[in-house]
PDBML (XML) file of the C-alpha atoms, coordinates in Angstrom:
<?xml version="1.0" encoding="UTF-8" ?>
<PDBx:datablock datablockName="MODEL"
   xmlns:PDBx="http://pdbml.pdb.org/schema/pdbx-v50.xsd"
   xmlns:xsi="http://www.w3.org/2001/XMLSchema-instance"
   xsi:schemaLocation="http://pdbml.pdb.org/schema/pdbx-v50.xsd pdbx-v50.xsd">
   <PDBx:atom_siteCategory>
      <PDBx:atom_site id="1">
         <PDBx:B_iso_or_equiv>0.00</PDBx:B_iso_or_equiv>
         <PDBx:Cartn_x>-14.126</PDBx:Cartn_x>
         <PDBx:Cartn_y>-3.197</PDBx:Cartn_y>
         <PDBx:Cartn_z>-9.650</PDBx:Cartn_z>
         <PDBx:auth_asym_id>A</PDBx:auth_asym_id>
         <PDBx:auth_atom_id>CA</PDBx:auth_atom_id>
         <PDBx:auth_comp_id>UNK</PDBx:auth_comp_id>
         <PDBx:auth_seq_id>1</PDBx:auth_seq_id>
         <PDBx:group_PDB>ATOM</PDBx:group_PDB>
         <PDBx:label_alt_id xsi:nil="true" />
         <PDBx:label_asym_id>A</PDBx:label_asym_id>
         <PDBx:label_atom_id>CA</PDBx:label_atom_id>
         <PDBx:label_comp_id>UNK</PDBx:label_comp_id>
         <PDBx:label_entity_id>1</PDBx:label_entity_id>
         <PDBx:label_seq_id>1</PDBx:label_seq_id>
         <PDBx:occupancy>1.00</PDBx:occupancy>
         <PDBx:pdbx_PDB_model_num>1</PDBx:pdbx_PDB_model_num>
         <PDBx:type_symbol>C</PDBx:type_symbol>
      </PDBx:atom_site>
      <PDBx:atom_site id="2">
         <PDBx:B_iso_or_equiv>0.00</PDBx:B_iso_or_equiv>
         <PDBx:Cartn_x>-10.720</PDBx:Cartn_x>
         <PDBx:Cartn_y>-1.062</PDBx:Cartn_y>
         <PDBx:Cartn_z>-10.775</PDBx:Cartn_z>
         <PDBx:auth_asym_id>A</PDBx:auth_asym_id>
         <PDBx:auth_atom_id>CA</PDBx:auth_atom_id>
         <PDBx:auth_comp_id>UNK</PDBx:auth_comp_id>
         <PDBx:auth_seq_id>2</PDBx:auth_seq_id>
         <PDBx:group_PDB>ATOM</PDBx:group_PDB>
         <PDBx:label_alt_id xsi:nil="true" />
         <PDBx:label_asym_id>A</PDBx:label_asym_id>
         <PDBx:label_atom_id>CA</PDBx:label_atom_id>
         <PDBx:label_comp_id>UNK</PDBx:label_comp_id>
         <PDBx:label_entity_id>1</PDBx:label_entity_id>
         <PDBx:label_seq_id>2</PDBx:label_seq_id>
         <PDBx:occupancy>1.00</PDBx:occupancy>
         <PDBx:pdbx_PDB_model_num>1</PDBx:pdbx_PDB_model_num>
         <PDBx:type_symbol>C</PDBx:type_symbol>
      </PDBx:atom_site>
      <PDBx:atom_site id="3">
         <PDBx:B_iso_or_equiv>0.00</PDBx:B_iso_or_equiv>
         <PDBx:Cartn_x>-9.576</PDBx:Cartn_x>
         <PDBx:Cartn_y>0.346</PDBx:Cartn_y>
         <PDBx:Cartn_z>-14.346</PDBx:Cartn_z>
         <PDBx:auth_asym_id>A</PDBx:auth_asym_id>
         <PDBx:auth_atom_id>CA</PDBx:auth_atom_id>
         <PDBx:auth_comp_id>UNK</PDBx:auth_comp_id>
         <PDBx:auth_seq_id>3</PDBx:auth_seq_id>
         <PDBx:group_PDB>ATOM</PDBx:group_PDB>
         <PDBx:label_alt_id xsi:nil="true" />
         <PDBx:label_asym_id>A</PDBx:label_asym_id>
         <PDBx:label_atom_id>CA</PDBx:label_atom_id>
         <PDBx:label_comp_id>UNK</PDBx:label_comp_id>
         <PDBx:label_entity_id>1</PDBx:label_entity_id>
         <PDBx:label_seq_id>3</PDBx:label_seq_id>
         <PDBx:occupancy>1.00</PDBx:occupancy>
         <PDBx:pdbx_PDB_model_num>1</PDBx:pdbx_PDB_model_num>
         <PDBx:type_symbol>C</PDBx:type_symbol>
      </PDBx:atom_site>
      <PDBx:atom_site id="4">
         <PDBx:B_iso_or_equiv>0.00</PDBx:B_iso_or_equiv>
         <PDBx:Cartn_x>-6.279</PDBx:Cartn_x>
         <PDBx:Cartn_y>-2.027</PDBx:Cartn_y>
         <PDBx:Cartn_z>-14.256</PDBx:Cartn_z>
         <PDBx:auth_asym_id>A</PDBx:auth_asym_id>
         <PDBx:auth_atom_id>CA</PDBx:auth_atom_id>
         <PDBx:auth_comp_id>UNK</PDBx:auth_comp_id>
         <PDBx:auth_seq_id>4</PDBx:auth_seq_id>
         <PDBx:group_PDB>ATOM</PDBx:group_PDB>
         <PDBx:label_alt_id xsi:nil="true" />
         <PDBx:label_asym_id>A</PDBx:label_asym_id>
         <PDBx:label_atom_id>CA</PDBx:label_atom_id>
         <PDBx:label_comp_id>UNK</PDBx:label_comp_id>
         <PDBx:label_entity_id>1</PDBx:label_entity_id>
         <PDBx:label_seq_id>4</PDBx:label_seq_id>
         <PDBx:occupancy>1.00</PDBx:occupancy>
         <PDBx:pdbx_PDB_model_num>1</PDBx:pdbx_PDB_model_num>
         <PDBx:type_symbol>C</PDBx:type_symbol>
      </PDBx:atom_site>
      <PDBx:atom_site id="5">
         <PDBx:B_iso_or_equiv>0.00</PDBx:B_iso_or_equiv>
         <PDBx:Cartn_x>-5.446</PDBx:Cartn_x>
         <PDBx:Cartn_y>-0.142</PDBx:Cartn_y>
         <PDBx:Cartn_z>-17.712</PDBx:Cartn_z>
         <PDBx:auth_asym_id>A</PDBx:auth_asym_id>
         <PDBx:auth_atom_id>CA</PDBx:auth_atom_id>
         <PDBx:auth_comp_id>UNK</PDBx:auth_comp_id>
         <PDBx:auth_seq_id>5</PDBx:auth_seq_id>
         <PDBx:group_PDB>ATOM</PDBx:group_PDB>
         <PDBx:label_alt_id xsi:nil="true" />
         <PDBx:label_asym_id>A</PDBx:label_asym_id>
         <PDBx:label_atom_id>CA</PDBx:label_atom_id>
         <PDBx:label_comp_id>UNK</PDBx:label_comp_id>
         <PDBx:label_entity_id>1</PDBx:label_entity_id>
         <PDBx:label_seq_id>5</PDBx:label_seq_id>
         <PDBx:occupancy>1.00</PDBx:occupancy>
         <PDBx:pdbx_PDB_model_num>1</PDBx:pdbx_PDB_model_num>
         <PDBx:type_symbol>C</PDBx:type_symbol>
      </PDBx:atom_site>
      <PDBx:atom_site id="6">
         <PDBx:B_iso_or_equiv>0.00</PDBx:B_iso_or_equiv>
         <PDBx:Cartn_x>-5.121</PDBx:Cartn_x>
         <PDBx:Cartn_y>3.760</PDBx:Cartn_y>
         <PDBx:Cartn_z>-15.895</PDBx:Cartn_z>
         <PDBx:auth_asym_id>A</PDBx:auth_asym_id>
         <PDBx:auth_atom_id>CA</PDBx:auth_atom_id>
         <PDBx:auth_comp_id>UNK</PDBx:auth_comp_id>
         <PDBx:auth_seq_id>6</PDBx:auth_seq_id>
         <PDBx:group_PDB>ATOM</PDBx:group_PDB>
         <PDBx:label_alt_id xsi:nil="true" />
         <PDBx:label_asym_id>A</PDBx:label_asym_id>
         <PDBx:label_atom_id>CA</PDBx:label_atom_id>
         <PDBx:label_comp_id>UNK</PDBx:label_comp_id>
         <PDBx:label_entity_id>1</PDBx:label_entity_id>
         <PDBx:label_seq_id>6</PDBx:label_seq_id>
         <PDBx:occupancy>1.00</PDBx:occupancy>
         <PDBx:pdbx_PDB_model_num>1</PDBx:pdbx_PDB_model_num>
         <PDBx:type_symbol>C</PDBx:type_symbol>
      </PDBx:atom_site>
      <PDBx:atom_site id="7">
         <PDBx:B_iso_or_equiv>0.00</PDBx:B_iso_or_equiv>
         <PDBx:Cartn_x>-3.652</PDBx:Cartn_x>
         <PDBx:Cartn_y>1.353</PDBx:Cartn_y>
         <PDBx:Cartn_z>-12.552</PDBx:Cartn_z>
         <PDBx:auth_asym_id>A</PDBx:auth_asym_id>
         <PDBx:auth_atom_id>CA</PDBx:auth_atom_id>
         <PDBx:auth_comp_id>UNK</PDBx:auth_comp_id>
         <PDBx:auth_seq_id>7</PDBx:auth_seq_id>
         <PDBx:group_PDB>ATOM</PDBx:group_PDB>
         <PDBx:label_alt_id xsi:nil="true" />
         <PDBx:label_asym_id>A</PDBx:label_asym_id>
         <PDBx:label_atom_id>CA</PDBx:label_atom_id>
         <PDBx:label_comp_id>UNK</PDBx:label_comp_id>
         <PDBx:label_entity_id>1</PDBx:label_entity_id>
         <PDBx:label_seq_id>7</PDBx:label_seq_id>
         <PDBx:occupancy>1.00</PDBx:occupancy>
         <PDBx:pdbx_PDB_model_num>1</PDBx:pdbx_PDB_model_num>
         <PDBx:type_symbol>C</PDBx:type_symbol>
      </PDBx:atom_site>
      <PDBx:atom_site id="8">
         <PDBx:B_iso_or_equiv>0.00</PDBx:B_iso_or_equiv>
         <PDBx:Cartn_x>-0.743</PDBx:Cartn_x>
         <PDBx:Cartn_y>0.644</PDBx:Cartn_y>
         <PDBx:Cartn_z>-14.507</PDBx:Cartn_z>
         <PDBx:auth_asym_id>A</PDBx:auth_asym_id>
         <PDBx:auth_atom_id>CA</PDBx:auth_atom_id>
         <PDBx:auth_comp_id>UNK</PDBx:auth_comp_id>
         <PDBx:auth_seq_id>8</PDBx:auth_seq_id>
         <PDBx:group_PDB>ATOM</PDBx:group_PDB>
         <PDBx:label_alt_id xsi:nil="true" />
         <PDBx:label_asym_id>A</PDBx:label_asym_id>
         <PDBx:label_atom_id>CA</PDBx:label_atom_id>
         <PDBx:label_comp_id>UNK</PDBx:label_comp_id>
         <PDBx:label_entity_id>1</PDBx:label_entity_id>
         <PDBx:label_seq_id>8</PDBx:label_seq_id>
         <PDBx:occupancy>1.00</PDBx:occupancy>
         <PDBx:pdbx_PDB_model_num>1</PDBx:pdbx_PDB_model_num>
         <PDBx:type_symbol>C</PDBx:type_symbol>
      </PDBx:atom_site>
      <PDBx:atom_site id="9">
         <PDBx:B_iso_or_equiv>0.00</PDBx:B_iso_or_equiv>
         <PDBx:Cartn_x>-0.166</PDBx:Cartn_x>
         <PDBx:Cartn_y>4.841</PDBx:Cartn_y>
         <PDBx:Cartn_z>-15.883</PDBx:Cartn_z>
         <PDBx:auth_asym_id>A</PDBx:auth_asym_id>
         <PDBx:auth_atom_id>CA</PDBx:auth_atom_id>
         <PDBx:auth_comp_id>UNK</PDBx:auth_comp_id>
         <PDBx:auth_seq_id>9</PDBx:auth_seq_id>
         <PDBx:group_PDB>ATOM</PDBx:group_PDB>
         <PDBx:label_alt_id xsi:nil="true" />
         <PDBx:label_asym_id>A</PDBx:label_asym_id>
         <PDBx:label_atom_id>CA</PDBx:label_atom_id>
         <PDBx:label_comp_id>UNK</PDBx:label_comp_id>
         <PDBx:label_entity_id>1</PDBx:label_entity_id>
         <PDBx:label_seq_id>9</PDBx:label_seq_id>
         <PDBx:occupancy>1.00</PDBx:occupancy>
         <PDBx:pdbx_PDB_model_num>1</PDBx:pdbx_PDB_model_num>
         <PDBx:type_symbol>C</PDBx:type_symbol>
      </PDBx:atom_site>
      <PDBx:atom_site id="10">
         <PDBx:B_iso_or_equiv>0.00</PDBx:B_iso_or_equiv>
         <PDBx:Cartn_x>-0.853</PDBx:Cartn_x>
         <PDBx:Cartn_y>6.043</PDBx:Cartn_y>
         <PDBx:Cartn_z>-12.514</PDBx:Cartn_z>
         <PDBx:auth_asym_id>A</PDBx:auth_asym_id>
         <PDBx:auth_atom_id>CA</PDBx:auth_atom_id>
         <PDBx:auth_comp_id>UNK</PDBx:auth_comp_id>
         <PDBx:auth_seq_id>10</PDBx:auth_seq_id>
         <PDBx:group_PDB>ATOM</PDBx:group_PDB>
         <PDBx:label_alt_id xsi:nil="true" />
         <PDBx:label_asym_id>A</PDBx:label_asym_id>
         <PDBx:label_atom_id>CA</PDBx:label_atom_id>
         <PDBx:label_comp_id>UNK</PDBx:label_comp_id>
         <PDBx:label_entity_id>1</PDBx:label_entity_id>
         <PDBx:label_seq_id>10</PDBx:label_seq_id>
         <PDBx:occupancy>1.00</PDBx:occupancy>
         <PDBx:pdbx_PDB_model_num>1</PDBx:pdbx_PDB_model_num>
         <PDBx:type_symbol>C</PDBx:type_symbol>
      </PDBx:atom_site>
      <PDBx:atom_site id="11">
         <PDBx:B_iso_or_equiv>0.00</PDBx:B_iso_or_equiv>
         <PDBx:Cartn_x>1.390</PDBx:Cartn_x>
         <PDBx:Cartn_y>3.444</PDBx:Cartn_y>
         <PDBx:Cartn_z>-10.968</PDBx:Cartn_z>
         <PDBx:auth_asym_id>A</PDBx:auth_asym_id>
         <PDBx:auth_atom_id>CA</PDBx:auth_atom_id>
         <PDBx:auth_comp_id>UNK</PDBx:auth_comp_id>
         <PDBx:auth_seq_id>11</PDBx:auth_seq_id>
         <PDBx:group_PDB>ATOM</PDBx:group_PDB>
         <PDBx:label_alt_id xsi:nil="true" />
         <PDBx:label_asym_id>A</PDBx:label_asym_id>
         <PDBx:label_atom_id>CA</PDBx:label_atom_id>
         <PDBx:label_comp_id>UNK</PDBx:label_comp_id>
         <PDBx:label_entity_id>1</PDBx:label_entity_id>
         <PDBx:label_seq_id>11</PDBx:label_seq_id>
         <PDBx:occupancy>1.00</PDBx:occupancy>
         <PDBx:pdbx_PDB_model_num>1</PDBx:pdbx_PDB_model_num>
         <PDBx:type_symbol>C</PDBx:type_symbol>
      </PDBx:atom_site>
      <PDBx:atom_site id="12">
         <PDBx:B_iso_or_equiv>0.00</PDBx:B_iso_or_equiv>
         <PDBx:Cartn_x>4.285</PDBx:Cartn_x>
         <PDBx:Cartn_y>4.751</PDBx:Cartn_y>
         <PDBx:Cartn_z>-13.926</PDBx:Cartn_z>
         <PDBx:auth_asym_id>A</PDBx:auth_asym_id>
         <PDBx:auth_atom_id>CA</PDBx:auth_atom_id>
         <PDBx:auth_comp_id>UNK</PDBx:auth_comp_id>
         <PDBx:auth_seq_id>12</PDBx:auth_seq_id>
         <PDBx:group_PDB>ATOM</PDBx:group_PDB>
         <PDBx:label_alt_id xsi:nil="true" />
         <PDBx:label_asym_id>A</PDBx:label_asym_id>
         <PDBx:label_atom_id>CA</PDBx:label_atom_id>
         <PDBx:label_comp_id>UNK</PDBx:label_comp_id>
         <PDBx:label_entity_id>1</PDBx:label_entity_id>
         <PDBx:label_seq_id>12</PDBx:label_seq_id>
         <PDBx:occupancy>1.00</PDBx:occupancy>
         <PDBx:pdbx_PDB_model_num>1</PDBx:pdbx_PDB_model_num>
         <PDBx:type_symbol>C</PDBx:type_symbol>
      </PDBx:atom_site>
      <PDBx:atom_site id="13">
         <PDBx:B_iso_or_equiv>0.00</PDBx:B_iso_or_equiv>
         <PDBx:Cartn_x>4.190</PDBx:Cartn_x>
         <PDBx:Cartn_y>8.202</PDBx:Cartn_y>
         <PDBx:Cartn_z>-13.749</PDBx:Cartn_z>
         <PDBx:auth_asym_id>A</PDBx:auth_asym_id>
         <PDBx:auth_atom_id>CA</PDBx:auth_atom_id>
         <PDBx:auth_comp_id>UNK</PDBx:auth_comp_id>
         <PDBx:auth_seq_id>13</PDBx:auth_seq_id>
         <PDBx:group_PDB>ATOM</PDBx:group_PDB>
         <PDBx:label_alt_id xsi:nil="true" />
         <PDBx:label_asym_id>A</PDBx:label_asym_id>
         <PDBx:label_atom_id>CA</PDBx:label_atom_id>
         <PDBx:label_comp_id>UNK</PDBx:label_comp_id>
         <PDBx:label_entity_id>1</PDBx:label_entity_id>
         <PDBx:label_seq_id>13</PDBx:label_seq_id>
         <PDBx:occupancy>1.00</PDBx:occupancy>
         <PDBx:pdbx_PDB_model_num>1</PDBx:pdbx_PDB_model_num>
         <PDBx:type_symbol>C</PDBx:type_symbol>
      </PDBx:atom_site>
      <PDBx:atom_site id="14">
         <PDBx:B_iso_or_equiv>0.00</PDBx:B_iso_or_equiv>
         <PDBx:Cartn_x>5.983</PDBx:Cartn_x>
         <PDBx:Cartn_y>8.445</PDBx:Cartn_y>
         <PDBx:Cartn_z>-11.432</PDBx:Cartn_z>
         <PDBx:auth_asym_id>A</PDBx:auth_asym_id>
         <PDBx:auth_atom_id>CA</PDBx:auth_atom_id>
         <PDBx:auth_comp_id>UNK</PDBx:auth_comp_id>
         <PDBx:auth_seq_id>14</PDBx:auth_seq_id>
         <PDBx:group_PDB>ATOM</PDBx:group_PDB>
         <PDBx:label_alt_id xsi:nil="true" />
         <PDBx:label_asym_id>A</PDBx:label_asym_id>
         <PDBx:label_atom_id>CA</PDBx:label_atom_id>
         <PDBx:label_comp_id>UNK</PDBx:label_comp_id>
         <PDBx:label_entity_id>1</PDBx:label_entity_id>
         <PDBx:label_seq_id>14</PDBx:label_seq_id>
         <PDBx:occupancy>1.00</PDBx:occupancy>
         <PDBx:pdbx_PDB_model_num>1</PDBx:pdbx_PDB_model_num>
         <PDBx:type_symbol>C</PDBx:type_symbol>
      </PDBx:atom_site>
      <PDBx:atom_site id="15">
         <PDBx:B_iso_or_equiv>0.00</PDBx:B_iso_or_equiv>
         <PDBx:Cartn_x>9.169</PDBx:Cartn_x>
         <PDBx:Cartn_y>8.126</PDBx:Cartn_y>
         <PDBx:Cartn_z>-9.753</PDBx:Cartn_z>
         <PDBx:auth_asym_id>A</PDBx:auth_asym_id>
         <PDBx:auth_atom_id>CA</PDBx:auth_atom_id>
         <PDBx:auth_comp_id>UNK</PDBx:auth_comp_id>
         <PDBx:auth_seq_id>15</PDBx:auth_seq_id>
         <PDBx:group_PDB>ATOM</PDBx:group_PDB>
         <PDBx:label_alt_id xsi:nil="true" />
         <PDBx:label_asym_id>A</PDBx:label_asym_id>
         <PDBx:label_atom_id>CA</PDBx:label_atom_id>
         <PDBx:label_comp_id>UNK</PDBx:label_comp_id>
         <PDBx:label_entity_id>1</PDBx:label_entity_id>
         <PDBx:label_seq_id>15</PDBx:label_seq_id>
         <PDBx:occupancy>1.00</PDBx:occupancy>
         <PDBx:pdbx_PDB_model_num>1</PDBx:pdbx_PDB_model_num>
         <PDBx:type_symbol>C</PDBx:type_symbol>
      </PDBx:atom_site>
      <PDBx:atom_site id="16">
         <PDBx:B_iso_or_equiv>0.00</PDBx:B_iso_or_equiv>
         <PDBx:Cartn_x>11.276</PDBx:Cartn_x>
         <PDBx:Cartn_y>5.966</PDBx:Cartn_y>
         <PDBx:Cartn_z>-8.326</PDBx:Cartn_z>
         <PDBx:auth_asym_id>A</PDBx:auth_asym_id>
         <PDBx:auth_atom_id>CA</PDBx:auth_atom_id>
         <PDBx:auth_comp_id>UNK</PDBx:auth_comp_id>
         <PDBx:auth_seq_id>16</PDBx:auth_seq_id>
         <PDBx:group_PDB>ATOM</PDBx:group_PDB>
         <PDBx:label_alt_id xsi:nil="true" />
         <PDBx:label_asym_id>A</PDBx:label_asym_id>
         <PDBx:label_atom_id>CA</PDBx:label_atom_id>
         <PDBx:label_comp_id>UNK</PDBx:label_comp_id>
         <PDBx:label_entity_id>1</PDBx:label_entity_id>
         <PDBx:label_seq_id>16</PDBx:label_seq_id>
         <PDBx:occupancy>1.00</PDBx:occupancy>
         <PDBx:pdbx_PDB_model_num>1</PDBx:pdbx_PDB_model_num>
         <PDBx:type_symbol>C</PDBx:type_symbol>
      </PDBx:atom_site>
      <PDBx:atom_site id="17">
         <PDBx:B_iso_or_equiv>0.00</PDBx:B_iso_or_equiv>
         <PDBx:Cartn_x>14.792</PDBx:Cartn_x>
         <PDBx:Cartn_y>6.363</PDBx:Cartn_y>
         <PDBx:Cartn_z>-6.788</PDBx:Cartn_z>
         <PDBx:auth_asym_id>A</PDBx:auth_asym_id>
         <PDBx:auth_atom_id>CA</PDBx:auth_atom_id>
         <PDBx:auth_comp_id>UNK</PDBx:auth_comp_id>
         <PDBx:auth_seq_id>17</PDBx:auth_seq_id>
         <PDBx:group_PDB>ATOM</PDBx:group_PDB>
         <PDBx:label_alt_id xsi:nil="true" />
         <PDBx:label_asym_id>A</PDBx:label_asym_id>
         <PDBx:label_atom_id>CA</PDBx:label_atom_id>
         <PDBx:label_comp_id>UNK</PDBx:label_comp_id>
         <PDBx:label_entity_id>1</PDBx:label_entity_id>
         <PDBx:label_seq_id>17</PDBx:label_seq_id>
         <PDBx:occupancy>1.00</PDBx:occupancy>
         <PDBx:pdbx_PDB_model_num>1</PDBx:pdbx_PDB_model_num>
         <PDBx:type_symbol>C</PDBx:type_symbol>
      </PDBx:atom_site>
      <PDBx:atom_site id="18">
         <PDBx:B_iso_or_equiv>0.00</PDBx:B_iso_or_equiv>
         <PDBx:Cartn_x>14.384</PDBx:Cartn_x>
         <PDBx:Cartn_y>3.279</PDBx:Cartn_y>
         <PDBx:Cartn_z>-4.176</PDBx:Cartn_z>
         <PDBx:auth_asym_id>A</PDBx:auth_asym_id>
         <PDBx:auth_atom_id>CA</PDBx:auth_atom_id>
         <PDBx:auth_comp_id>UNK</PDBx:auth_comp_id>
         <PDBx:auth_seq_id>18</PDBx:auth_seq_id>
         <PDBx:group_PDB>ATOM</PDBx:group_PDB>
         <PDBx:label_alt_id xsi:nil="true" />
         <PDBx:label_asym_id>A</PDBx:label_asym_id>
         <PDBx:label_atom_id>CA</PDBx:label_atom_id>
         <PDBx:label_comp_id>UNK</PDBx:label_comp_id>
         <PDBx:label_entity_id>1</PDBx:label_entity_id>
         <PDBx:label_seq_id>18</PDBx:label_seq_id>
         <PDBx:occupancy>1.00</PDBx:occupancy>
         <PDBx:pdbx_PDB_model_num>1</PDBx:pdbx_PDB_model_num>
         <PDBx:type_symbol>C</PDBx:type_symbol>
      </PDBx:atom_site>
      <PDBx:atom_site id="19">
         <PDBx:B_iso_or_equiv>0.00</PDBx:B_iso_or_equiv>
         <PDBx:Cartn_x>13.129</PDBx:Cartn_x>
         <PDBx:Cartn_y>-0.273</PDBx:Cartn_y>
         <PDBx:Cartn_z>-5.096</PDBx:Cartn_z>
         <PDBx:auth_asym_id>A</PDBx:auth_asym_id>
         <PDBx:auth_atom_id>CA</PDBx:auth_atom_id>
         <PDBx:auth_comp_id>UNK</PDBx:auth_comp_id>
         <PDBx:auth_seq_id>19</PDBx:auth_seq_id>
         <PDBx:group_PDB>ATOM</PDBx:group_PDB>
         <PDBx:label_alt_id xsi:nil="true" />
         <PDBx:label_asym_id>A</PDBx:label_asym_id>
         <PDBx:label_atom_id>CA</PDBx:label_atom_id>
         <PDBx:label_comp_id>UNK</PDBx:label_comp_id>
         <PDBx:label_entity_id>1</PDBx:label_entity_id>
         <PDBx:label_seq_id>19</PDBx:label_seq_id>
         <PDBx:occupancy>1.00</PDBx:occupancy>
         <PDBx:pdbx_PDB_model_num>1</PDBx:pdbx_PDB_model_num>
         <PDBx:type_symbol>C</PDBx:type_symbol>
      </PDBx:atom_site>
      <PDBx:atom_site id="20">
         <PDBx:B_iso_or_equiv>0.00</PDBx:B_iso_or_equiv>
         <PDBx:Cartn_x>11.103</PDBx:Cartn_x>
         <PDBx:Cartn_y>0.515</PDBx:Cartn_y>
         <PDBx:Cartn_z>-1.725</PDBx:Cartn_z>
         <PDBx:auth_asym_id>A</PDBx:auth_asym_id>
         <PDBx:auth_atom_id>CA</PDBx:auth_atom_id>
         <PDBx:auth_comp_id>UNK</PDBx:auth_comp_id>
         <PDBx:auth_seq_id>20</PDBx:auth_seq_id>
         <PDBx:group_PDB>ATOM</PDBx:group_PDB>
         <PDBx:label_alt_id xsi:nil="true" />
         <PDBx:label_asym_id>A</PDBx:label_asym_id>
         <PDBx:label_atom_id>CA</PDBx:label_atom_id>
         <PDBx:label_comp_id>UNK</PDBx:label_comp_id>
         <PDBx:label_entity_id>1</PDBx:label_entity_id>
         <PDBx:label_seq_id>20</PDBx:label_seq_id>
         <PDBx:occupancy>1.00</PDBx:occupancy>
         <PDBx:pdbx_PDB_model_num>1</PDBx:pdbx_PDB_model_num>
         <PDBx:type_symbol>C</PDBx:type_symbol>
      </PDBx:atom_site>
      <PDBx:atom_site id="21">
         <PDBx:B_iso_or_equiv>0.00</PDBx:B_iso_or_equiv>
         <PDBx:Cartn_x>9.549</PDBx:Cartn_x>
         <PDBx:Cartn_y>3.023</PDBx:Cartn_y>
         <PDBx:Cartn_z>-2.908</PDBx:Cartn_z>
         <PDBx:auth_asym_id>A</PDBx:auth_asym_id>
         <PDBx:auth_atom_id>CA</PDBx:auth_atom_id>
         <PDBx:auth_comp_id>UNK</PDBx:auth_comp_id>
         <PDBx:auth_seq_id>21</PDBx:auth_seq_id>
         <PDBx:group_PDB>ATOM</PDBx:group_PDB>
         <PDBx:label_alt_id xsi:nil="true" />
         <PDBx:label_asym_id>A</PDBx:label_asym_id>
         <PDBx:label_atom_id>CA</PDBx:label_atom_id>
         <PDBx:label_comp_id>UNK</PDBx:label_comp_id>
         <PDBx:label_entity_id>1</PDBx:label_entity_id>
         <PDBx:label_seq_id>21</PDBx:label_seq_id>
         <PDBx:occupancy>1.00</PDBx:occupancy>
         <PDBx:pdbx_PDB_model_num>1</PDBx:pdbx_PDB_model_num>
         <PDBx:type_symbol>C</PDBx:type_symbol>
      </PDBx:atom_site>
      <PDBx:atom_site id="22">
         <PDBx:B_iso_or_equiv>0.00</PDBx:B_iso_or_equiv>
         <PDBx:Cartn_x>8.740</PDBx:Cartn_x>
         <PDBx:Cartn_y>0.845</PDBx:Cartn_y>
         <PDBx:Cartn_z>-5.918</PDBx:Cartn_z>
         <PDBx:auth_asym_id>A</PDBx:auth_asym_id>
         <PDBx:auth_atom_id>CA</PDBx:auth_atom_id>
         <PDBx:auth_comp_id>UNK</PDBx:auth_comp_id>
         <PDBx:auth_seq_id>22</PDBx:auth_seq_id>
         <PDBx:group_PDB>ATOM</PDBx:group_PDB>
         <PDBx:label_alt_id xsi:nil="true" />
         <PDBx:label_asym_id>A</PDBx:label_asym_id>
         <PDBx:label_atom_id>CA</PDBx:label_atom_id>
         <PDBx:label_comp_id>UNK</PDBx:label_comp_id>
         <PDBx:label_entity_id>1</PDBx:label_entity_id>
         <PDBx:label_seq_id>22</PDBx:label_seq_id>
         <PDBx:occupancy>1.00</PDBx:occupancy>
         <PDBx:pdbx_PDB_model_num>1</PDBx:pdbx_PDB_model_num>
         <PDBx:type_symbol>C</PDBx:type_symbol>
      </PDBx:atom_site>
      <PDBx:atom_site id="23">
         <PDBx:B_iso_or_equiv>0.00</PDBx:B_iso_or_equiv>
         <PDBx:Cartn_x>7.812</PDBx:Cartn_x>
         <PDBx:Cartn_y>-2.342</PDBx:Cartn_y>
         <PDBx:Cartn_z>-3.101</PDBx:Cartn_z>
         <PDBx:auth_asym_id>A</PDBx:auth_asym_id>
         <PDBx:auth_atom_id>CA</PDBx:auth_atom_id>
         <PDBx:auth_comp_id>UNK</PDBx:auth_comp_id>
         <PDBx:auth_seq_id>23</PDBx:auth_seq_id>
         <PDBx:group_PDB>ATOM</PDBx:group_PDB>
         <PDBx:label_alt_id xsi:nil="true" />
         <PDBx:label_asym_id>A</PDBx:label_asym_id>
         <PDBx:label_atom_id>CA</PDBx:label_atom_id>
         <PDBx:label_comp_id>UNK</PDBx:label_comp_id>
         <PDBx:label_entity_id>1</PDBx:label_entity_id>
         <PDBx:label_seq_id>23</PDBx:label_seq_id>
         <PDBx:occupancy>1.00</PDBx:occupancy>
         <PDBx:pdbx_PDB_model_num>1</PDBx:pdbx_PDB_model_num>
         <PDBx:type_symbol>C</PDBx:type_symbol>
      </PDBx:atom_site>
      <PDBx:atom_site id="24">
         <PDBx:B_iso_or_equiv>0.00</PDBx:B_iso_or_equiv>
         <PDBx:Cartn_x>6.019</PDBx:Cartn_x>
         <PDBx:Cartn_y>1.123</PDBx:Cartn_y>
         <PDBx:Cartn_z>-1.092</PDBx:Cartn_z>
         <PDBx:auth_asym_id>A</PDBx:auth_asym_id>
         <PDBx:auth_atom_id>CA</PDBx:auth_atom_id>
         <PDBx:auth_comp_id>UNK</PDBx:auth_comp_id>
         <PDBx:auth_seq_id>24</PDBx:auth_seq_id>
         <PDBx:group_PDB>ATOM</PDBx:group_PDB>
         <PDBx:label_alt_id xsi:nil="true" />
         <PDBx:label_asym_id>A</PDBx:label_asym_id>
         <PDBx:label_atom_id>CA</PDBx:label_atom_id>
         <PDBx:label_comp_id>UNK</PDBx:label_comp_id>
         <PDBx:label_entity_id>1</PDBx:label_entity_id>
         <PDBx:label_seq_id>24</PDBx:label_seq_id>
         <PDBx:occupancy>1.00</PDBx:occupancy>
         <PDBx:pdbx_PDB_model_num>1</PDBx:pdbx_PDB_model_num>
         <PDBx:type_symbol>C</PDBx:type_symbol>
      </PDBx:atom_site>
   </PDBx:atom_siteCategory>
</PDBx:datablock>
């Protein structure tokens, strides 16, 4: 029951300075 497209927009709107941040 999650809007998966919206989830994508949320996670890709962030900036990740390391792979560890991406893993989290």
